[in-house]
Each structure stands twice: as structure tokens, then as C-alpha cells.
Amino acid sequence: MYSQTDTYQIILCVVTLGVTLTAGFLMGILTSEQWTRKTRPQKVRSRFL
């Protein structure tokens, strides 16, 4: 069976993984939005909409 320290370490690992994943996901969204804004002109975007 797990001791309490083991369970706390597992919870800590899961929490840190979740936080890093969400942070990376948000950063990826923000950087991709900035990249598309910089590279693509407004005319191209209006065609897709």
C-alpha cells in the first residue's frame, strides 16, 4: 500500500503536470495568434470569414 508521503508526491506530480500542460497550451495559443496576426494581412483573413 502507499504511504501518505507517496500519495502526496503523486498528487504533486499530477498537479505540476497539469499546470505545465495548461500553461504550455495557453502560451501556444497566444503565440500562434500573434504569429498569424503578424504574417497574414487583413485581406486574407476577411476571405476566410
PDB file of N, CA and C in Angstrom:
ATOM      1  N   MET A   1       0.847  -1.208   0.000  1.00  0.00           N
ATOM      2  CA  MET A   1       0.000   0.000   0.000  1.00  0.00           C
ATOM      3  C   MET A   1       0.882   1.257   0.000  1.00  0.00           C
ATOM      4  N   TYR A   2       0.289   2.357  -0.469  1.00  0.00           N
ATOM      5  CA  TYR A   2       1.042   3.603  -0.486  1.00  0.00           C
ATOM      6  C   TYR A   2       1.039   4.251   0.890  1.00  0.00           C
ATOM      7  N   SER A   3       2.148   4.880   1.237  1.00  0.00           N
ATOM      8  CA  SER A   3       2.154   5.704   2.443  1.00  0.00           C
ATOM      9  C   SER A   3       1.660   7.107   2.083  1.00  0.00           C
ATOM     10  N   GLN A   4       1.454   7.924   3.102  1.00  0.00           N
ATOM     11  CA  GLN A   4       0.895   9.259   2.819  1.00  0.00           C
ATOM     12  C   GLN A   4       1.857  10.115   2.014  1.00  0.00           C
ATOM     13  N   THR A   5       3.163   9.988   2.270  1.00  0.00           N
ATOM     14  CA  THR A   5       4.125  10.797   1.518  1.00  0.00           C
ATOM     15  C   THR A   5       4.105  10.422   0.044  1.00  0.00           C
ATOM     16  N   ASP A   6       3.944   9.127  -0.256  1.00  0.00           N
ATOM     17  CA  ASP A   6       3.885   8.690  -1.654  1.00  0.00           C
ATOM     18  C   ASP A   6       2.668   9.280  -2.358  1.00  0.00           C
ATOM     19  N   THR A   7       1.517   9.243  -1.698  1.00  0.00           N
ATOM     20  CA  THR A   7       0.309   9.783  -2.322  1.00  0.00           C
ATOM     21  C   THR A   7       0.442  11.285  -2.551  1.00  0.00           C
ATOM     22  N   TYR A   8       1.049  11.992  -1.580  1.00  0.00           N
ATOM     23  CA  TYR A   8       1.240  13.432  -1.754  1.00  0.00           C
ATOM     24  C   TYR A   8       2.173  13.709  -2.930  1.00  0.00           C
ATOM     25  N   GLN A   9       3.222  12.901  -3.072  1.00  0.00           N
ATOM     26  CA  GLN A   9       4.149  13.097  -4.190  1.00  0.00           C
ATOM     27  C   GLN A   9       3.452  12.845  -5.520  1.00  0.00           C
ATOM     28  N   ILE A  10       2.607  11.822  -5.571  1.00  0.00           N
ATOM     29  CA  ILE A  10       1.874  11.516  -6.807  1.00  0.00           C
ATOM     30  C   ILE A  10       0.930  12.666  -7.157  1.00  0.00           C
ATOM     31  N   ILE A  11       0.210  13.167  -6.146  1.00  0.00           N
ATOM     32  CA  ILE A  11      -0.713  14.290  -6.368  1.00  0.00           C
ATOM     33  C   ILE A  11       0.065  15.509  -6.847  1.00  0.00           C
ATOM     34  N   LEU A  12       1.226  15.758  -6.226  1.00  0.00           N
ATOM     35  CA  LEU A  12       2.047  16.901  -6.597  1.00  0.00           C
ATOM     36  C   LEU A  12       2.504  16.775  -8.049  1.00  0.00           C
ATOM     37  N   CYS A  13       2.935  15.571  -8.433  1.00  0.00           N
ATOM     38  CA  CYS A  13       3.386  15.342  -9.817  1.00  0.00           C
ATOM     39  C   CYS A  13       2.250  15.580 -10.804  1.00  0.00           C
ATOM     40  N   VAL A  14       1.067  15.072 -10.488  1.00  0.00           N
ATOM     41  CA  VAL A  14      -0.082  15.231 -11.380  1.00  0.00           C
ATOM     42  C   VAL A  14      -0.458  16.706 -11.506  1.00  0.00           C
ATOM     43  N   VAL A  15      -0.440  17.418 -10.385  1.00  0.00           N
ATOM     44  CA  VAL A  15      -0.803  18.841 -10.400  1.00  0.00           C
ATOM     45  C   VAL A  15       0.207  19.637 -11.217  1.00  0.00           C
ATOM     46  N   THR A  16       1.495  19.372 -11.012  1.00  0.00           N
ATOM     47  CA  THR A  16       2.515  20.114 -11.753  1.00  0.00           C
ATOM     48  C   THR A  16       2.423  19.811 -13.248  1.00  0.00           C
ATOM     49  N   LEU A  17       2.146  18.549 -13.590  1.00  0.00           N
ATOM     50  CA  LEU A  17       1.982  18.185 -14.998  1.00  0.00           C
ATOM     51  C   LEU A  17       0.804  18.925 -15.614  1.00  0.00           C
ATOM     52  N   GLY A  18      -0.313  18.962 -14.894  1.00  0.00           N
ATOM     53  CA  GLY A  18      -1.497  19.643 -15.403  1.00  0.00           C
ATOM     54  C   GLY A  18      -1.252  21.128 -15.596  1.00  0.00           C
ATOM     55  N   VAL A  19      -0.564  21.735 -14.633  1.00  0.00           N
ATOM     56  CA  VAL A  19      -0.300  23.175 -14.711  1.00  0.00           C
ATOM     57  C   VAL A  19       0.623  23.481 -15.879  1.00  0.00           C
ATOM     58  N   THR A  20       1.666  22.670 -16.043  1.00  0.00           N
ATOM     59  CA  THR A  20       2.603  22.920 -17.140  1.00  0.00           C
ATOM     60  C   THR A  20       1.930  22.698 -18.493  1.00  0.00           C
ATOM     61  N   LEU A  21       1.061  21.693 -18.571  1.00  0.00           N
ATOM     62  CA  LEU A  21       0.357  21.424 -19.828  1.00  0.00           C
ATOM     63  C   LEU A  21      -0.577  22.571 -20.182  1.00  0.00           C
ATOM     64  N   THR A  22      -1.350  23.048 -19.204  1.00  0.00           N
ATOM     65  CA  THR A  22      -2.285  24.140 -19.473  1.00  0.00           C
ATOM     66  C   THR A  22      -1.529  25.421 -19.813  1.00  0.00           C
ATOM     67  N   ALA A  23      -0.423  25.668 -19.107  1.00  0.00           N
ATOM     68  CA  ALA A  23       0.373  26.867 -19.373  1.00  0.00           C
ATOM     69  C   ALA A  23       0.964  26.808 -20.782  1.00  0.00           C
ATOM     70  N   GLY A  24       1.491  25.655 -21.154  1.00  0.00           N
ATOM     71  CA  GLY A  24       2.044  25.492 -22.489  1.00  0.00           C
ATOM     72  C   GLY A  24       0.982  25.639 -23.563  1.00  0.00           C
ATOM     73  N   PHE A  25      -0.204  25.099 -23.283  1.00  0.00           N
ATOM     74  CA  PHE A  25      -1.311  25.192 -24.233  1.00  0.00           C
ATOM     75  C   PHE A  25      -1.721  26.647 -24.434  1.00  0.00           C
ATOM     76  N   LEU A  26      -1.847  27.393 -23.323  1.00  0.00           N
ATOM     77  CA  LEU A  26      -2.230  28.803 -23.414  1.00  0.00           C
ATOM     78  C   LEU A  26      -1.151  29.604 -24.135  1.00  0.00           C
ATOM     79  N   MET A  27       0.115  29.340 -23.815  1.00  0.00           N
ATOM     80  CA  MET A  27       1.205  30.055 -24.468  1.00  0.00           C
ATOM     81  C   MET A  27       1.222  29.753 -25.967  1.00  0.00           C
ATOM     82  N   GLY A  28       0.954  28.501 -26.327  1.00  0.00           N
ATOM     83  CA  GLY A  28       0.910  28.131 -27.737  1.00  0.00           C
ATOM     84  C   GLY A  28      -0.190  28.870 -28.476  1.00  0.00           C
ATOM     85  N   ILE A  29      -1.348  28.993 -27.840  1.00  0.00           N
ATOM     86  CA  ILE A  29      -2.469  29.710 -28.453  1.00  0.00           C
ATOM     87  C   ILE A  29      -2.106  31.179 -28.641  1.00  0.00           C
ATOM     88  N   LEU A  30      -1.528  31.786 -27.599  1.00  0.00           N
ATOM     89  CA  LEU A  30      -1.188  33.204 -27.672  1.00  0.00           C
ATOM     90  C   LEU A  30      -0.132  33.456 -28.735  1.00  0.00           C
ATOM     91  N   THR A  31       0.908  32.625 -28.779  1.00  0.00           N
ATOM     92  CA  THR A  31       1.981  32.845 -29.750  1.00  0.00           C
ATOM     93  C   THR A  31       1.486  32.606 -31.171  1.00  0.00           C
ATOM     94  N   SER A  32       0.631  31.605 -31.366  1.00  0.00           N
ATOM     95  CA  SER A  32       0.117  31.329 -32.707  1.00  0.00           C
ATOM     96  C   SER A  32      -0.778  32.472 -33.177  1.00  0.00           C
ATOM     97  N   GLU A  33      -1.561  33.045 -32.262  1.00  0.00           N
ATOM     98  CA  GLU A  33      -2.414  34.180 -32.634  1.00  0.00           C
ATOM     99  C   GLU A  33      -1.562  35.377 -33.027  1.00  0.00           C
ATOM    100  N   GLN A  34      -0.508  35.641 -32.240  1.00  0.00           N
ATOM    101  CA  GLN A  34       0.371  36.760 -32.565  1.00  0.00           C
ATOM    102  C   GLN A  34       1.072  36.519 -33.899  1.00  0.00           C
ATOM    103  N   TRP A  35       1.483  35.264 -34.157  1.00  0.00           N
ATOM    104  CA  TRP A  35       2.193  34.936 -35.387  1.00  0.00           C
ATOM    105  C   TRP A  35       1.284  35.117 -36.593  1.00  0.00           C
ATOM    106  N   THR A  36       0.028  34.667 -36.498  1.00  0.00           N
ATOM    107  CA  THR A  36      -0.889  34.810 -37.626  1.00  0.00           C
ATOM    108  C   THR A  36      -1.201  36.280 -37.863  1.00  0.00           C
ATOM    109  N   ARG A  37      -1.304  37.056 -36.802  1.00  0.00           N
ATOM    110  CA  ARG A  37      -1.573  38.494 -36.967  1.00  0.00           C
ATOM    111  C   ARG A  37      -0.419  39.172 -37.685  1.00  0.00           C
ATOM    112  N   LYS A  38       0.820  38.796 -37.321  1.00  0.00           N
ATOM    113  CA  LYS A  38       1.983  39.457 -37.908  1.00  0.00           C
ATOM    114  C   LYS A  38       2.154  39.074 -39.373  1.00  0.00           C
ATOM    115  N   THR A  39       2.000  37.780 -39.683  1.00  0.00           N
ATOM    116  CA  THR A  39       2.323  37.325 -41.032  1.00  0.00           C
ATOM    117  C   THR A  39       1.185  37.581 -42.010  1.00  0.00           C
ATOM    118  N   ARG A  40      -0.040  37.291 -41.600  1.00  0.00           N
ATOM    119  CA  ARG A  40      -1.163  37.398 -42.540  1.00  0.00           C
ATOM    120  C   ARG A  40      -1.732  38.817 -42.573  1.00  0.00           C
ATOM    121  N   PRO A  41      -1.938  39.367 -43.743  1.00  0.00           N
ATOM    122  CA  PRO A  41      -2.624  40.663 -43.840  1.00  0.00           C
ATOM    123  C   PRO A  41      -4.117  40.517 -43.563  1.00  0.00           C
ATOM    124  N   GLN A  42      -4.794  41.646 -43.380  1.00  0.00           N
ATOM    125  CA  GLN A  42      -6.220  41.620 -43.034  1.00  0.00           C
ATOM    126  C   GLN A  42      -7.074  41.105 -44.191  1.00  0.00           C
ATOM    127  N   LYS A  43      -6.658  41.348 -45.434  1.00  0.00           N
ATOM    128  CA  LYS A  43      -7.465  40.926 -46.586  1.00  0.00           C
ATOM    129  C   LYS A  43      -7.635  39.407 -46.621  1.00  0.00           C
ATOM    130  N   VAL A  44      -6.562  38.673 -46.331  1.00  0.00           N
ATOM    131  CA  VAL A  44      -6.620  37.210 -46.386  1.00  0.00           C
ATOM    132  C   VAL A  44      -7.562  36.689 -45.315  1.00  0.00           C
ATOM    133  N   ARG A  45      -7.518  37.301 -44.131  1.00  0.00           N
ATOM    134  CA  ARG A  45      -8.374  36.831 -43.038  1.00  0.00           C
ATOM    135  C   ARG A  45      -9.846  37.093 -43.358  1.00  0.00           C
ATOM    136  N   SER A  46     -10.154  38.226 -43.997  1.00  0.00           N
ATOM    137  CA  SER A  46     -11.558  38.554 -44.283  1.00  0.00           C
ATOM    138  C   SER A  46     -12.158  37.568 -45.289  1.00  0.00           C
ATOM    139  N   ARG A  47     -11.348  36.985 -46.149  1.00  0.00           N
ATOM    140  CA  ARG A  47     -11.859  35.986 -47.097  1.00  0.00           C
ATOM    141  C   ARG A  47     -12.348  34.741 -46.371  1.00  0.00           C
ATOM    142  N   PHE A  48     -11.598  34.298 -45.354  1.00  0.00           N
ATOM    143  CA  PHE A  48     -11.976  33.085 -44.629  1.00  0.00           C
ATOM    144  C   PHE A  48     -13.249  33.290 -43.832  1.00  0.00           C
ATOM    145  N   LEU A  49     -13.486  34.518 -43.351  1.00  0.00           N
ATOM    146  CA  LEU A  49     -14.666  34.774 -42.518  1.00  0.00           C
ATOM    147  C   LEU A  49     -15.945  34.890 -43.328  1.00  0.00           C
TER     148      LEU A  49
END
